[in-house]
Amino acid sequence: MELMTIIFLLIFVIVGLALYLVAQLKLAGINVKDFWSFIEANQMLDKLYAFSKRYEHMSPQEQVIFLMEAEKVFNAFDKVPKLIWEEEYEKYMDVLNTYRSIKVLRWASN
């Protein structure tokens, strides 16, 4: 009986914390889906940042993939207030600058 009470209490606390998190996101004006895509995009930003350091050596296919993934990251970051991702600002700007450079190179080659 005591075990069931402890399990029920833990489930209640977890659900309560999840609801509190959702309420805080709503108060900040962020949709849960947008926040989740931001978390995934933040992980992708780290990978793109590593690729952005060697964009001169990318094949045309790698450049296209980089451009597509970077656009997804930019869209996800645009939906979230900048206050949340200010720590990632330098990485974001490096990826953005590489994105712009690749776009210019691809426009010049066409």
Protein backbone atom coordinates (compact mmCIF):
# COMPACT_ATOMS: atom_id res chain seq x y z
CA MET A 1 0.00 0.00 0.00
CA GLU A 2 2.80 2.39 0.87
CA LEU A 3 4.52 1.60 -2.43
CA MET A 4 1.37 2.50 -4.38
CA THR A 5 1.11 5.77 -2.48
CA ILE A 6 4.72 6.66 -3.29
CA ILE A 7 4.26 5.77 -6.98
CA PHE A 8 1.04 7.79 -7.17
CA LEU A 9 2.73 10.75 -5.49
CA LEU A 10 5.68 10.62 -7.90
CA ILE A 11 3.37 10.47 -10.91
CA PHE A 12 1.40 13.41 -9.53
CA VAL A 13 4.59 15.45 -9.04
CA ILE A 14 5.84 14.66 -12.57
CA VAL A 15 2.51 15.61 -14.14
CA GLY A 16 2.43 18.77 -12.05
CA LEU A 17 5.91 19.78 -13.17
CA ALA A 18 5.03 19.12 -16.81
CA LEU A 19 1.92 21.29 -16.51
CA TYR A 20 3.95 24.00 -14.80
CA LEU A 21 6.48 23.92 -17.65
CA VAL A 22 3.72 24.20 -20.26
CA ALA A 23 2.16 27.09 -18.35
CA GLN A 24 5.49 28.93 -18.16
CA LEU A 25 6.04 28.45 -21.89
CA LYS A 26 2.56 29.78 -22.64
CA LEU A 27 3.16 32.81 -20.40
CA ALA A 28 6.37 33.50 -22.31
CA GLY A 29 4.39 33.37 -25.56
CA ILE A 30 6.02 30.19 -26.84
CA ASN A 31 4.19 27.15 -28.16
CA VAL A 32 5.34 23.81 -26.79
CA LYS A 33 5.89 22.53 -30.33
CA ASP A 34 8.05 25.57 -31.16
CA PHE A 35 10.09 25.10 -28.00
CA TRP A 36 10.64 21.42 -28.78
CA SER A 37 11.77 22.27 -32.32
CA PHE A 38 14.11 24.88 -30.79
CA ILE A 39 15.69 22.19 -28.60
CA GLU A 40 16.23 19.96 -31.64
CA ALA A 41 17.53 22.90 -33.68
CA ASN A 42 19.96 23.77 -30.92
CA GLN A 43 21.48 20.31 -31.23
CA MET A 44 21.66 20.70 -35.00
CA LEU A 45 23.28 24.12 -34.58
CA ASP A 46 26.26 22.48 -32.90
CA LYS A 47 26.71 20.13 -35.86
CA LEU A 48 26.30 22.93 -38.39
CA TYR A 49 28.79 25.04 -36.48
CA ALA A 50 31.41 22.32 -36.91
CA PHE A 51 30.64 22.14 -40.64
CA SER A 52 30.72 25.92 -41.00
CA LYS A 53 34.41 25.91 -40.15
CA ARG A 54 35.21 23.97 -43.32
CA TYR A 55 32.62 25.17 -45.82
CA GLU A 56 35.26 25.92 -48.48
CA HIS A 57 35.94 22.19 -48.72
CA MET A 58 32.31 21.08 -49.00
CA SER A 59 31.05 19.35 -52.09
CA PRO A 60 28.02 20.86 -53.83
CA GLN A 61 25.80 18.16 -52.28
CA GLU A 62 27.11 18.93 -48.80
CA GLN A 63 26.49 22.62 -49.41
CA VAL A 64 22.86 21.96 -50.37
CA ILE A 65 22.36 19.81 -47.27
CA PHE A 66 24.00 22.50 -45.13
CA LEU A 67 21.71 25.17 -46.60
CA MET A 68 18.57 23.10 -46.00
CA GLU A 69 19.49 22.23 -42.41
CA ALA A 70 20.55 25.80 -41.66
CA GLU A 71 17.17 27.10 -42.86
CA LYS A 72 15.42 24.70 -40.48
CA VAL A 73 17.59 25.94 -37.61
CA PHE A 74 16.94 29.58 -38.49
CA ASN A 75 13.17 28.98 -38.61
CA ALA A 76 13.20 27.27 -35.21
CA PHE A 77 15.33 30.00 -33.63
CA ASP A 78 13.07 32.73 -35.05
CA LYS A 79 10.08 31.33 -33.16
CA VAL A 80 11.78 31.62 -29.78
CA PRO A 81 12.73 34.88 -28.01
CA LYS A 82 16.40 35.81 -28.34
CA LEU A 83 16.76 35.95 -24.58
CA ILE A 84 16.56 32.16 -24.47
CA TRP A 85 19.32 31.51 -26.99
CA GLU A 86 21.70 34.40 -26.32
CA GLU A 87 24.41 31.92 -25.25
CA GLU A 88 24.33 30.35 -28.71
CA TYR A 89 24.46 33.70 -30.52
CA GLU A 90 28.06 33.36 -31.73
CA LYS A 91 27.45 29.89 -33.16
CA TYR A 92 24.25 31.12 -34.77
CA MET A 93 26.05 34.04 -36.39
CA ASP A 94 28.90 31.84 -37.65
CA VAL A 95 26.42 29.45 -39.23
CA LEU A 96 24.48 32.40 -40.68
CA ASN A 97 27.64 33.90 -42.18
CA THR A 98 28.59 30.55 -43.70
CA TYR A 99 25.04 30.19 -45.03
CA ARG A 100 25.32 33.59 -46.69
CA SER A 101 28.75 32.78 -48.15
CA ILE A 102 27.53 29.50 -49.63
CA LYS A 103 24.46 31.23 -51.07
CA VAL A 104 26.67 33.87 -52.72
CA LEU A 105 29.01 31.19 -54.10
CA ARG A 106 26.09 29.21 -55.50
CA TRP A 107 24.51 32.33 -57.06
CA ALA A 108 27.83 33.32 -58.61
CA SER A 109 28.31 29.85 -60.10
CA ASN A 110 24.83 29.92 -61.68
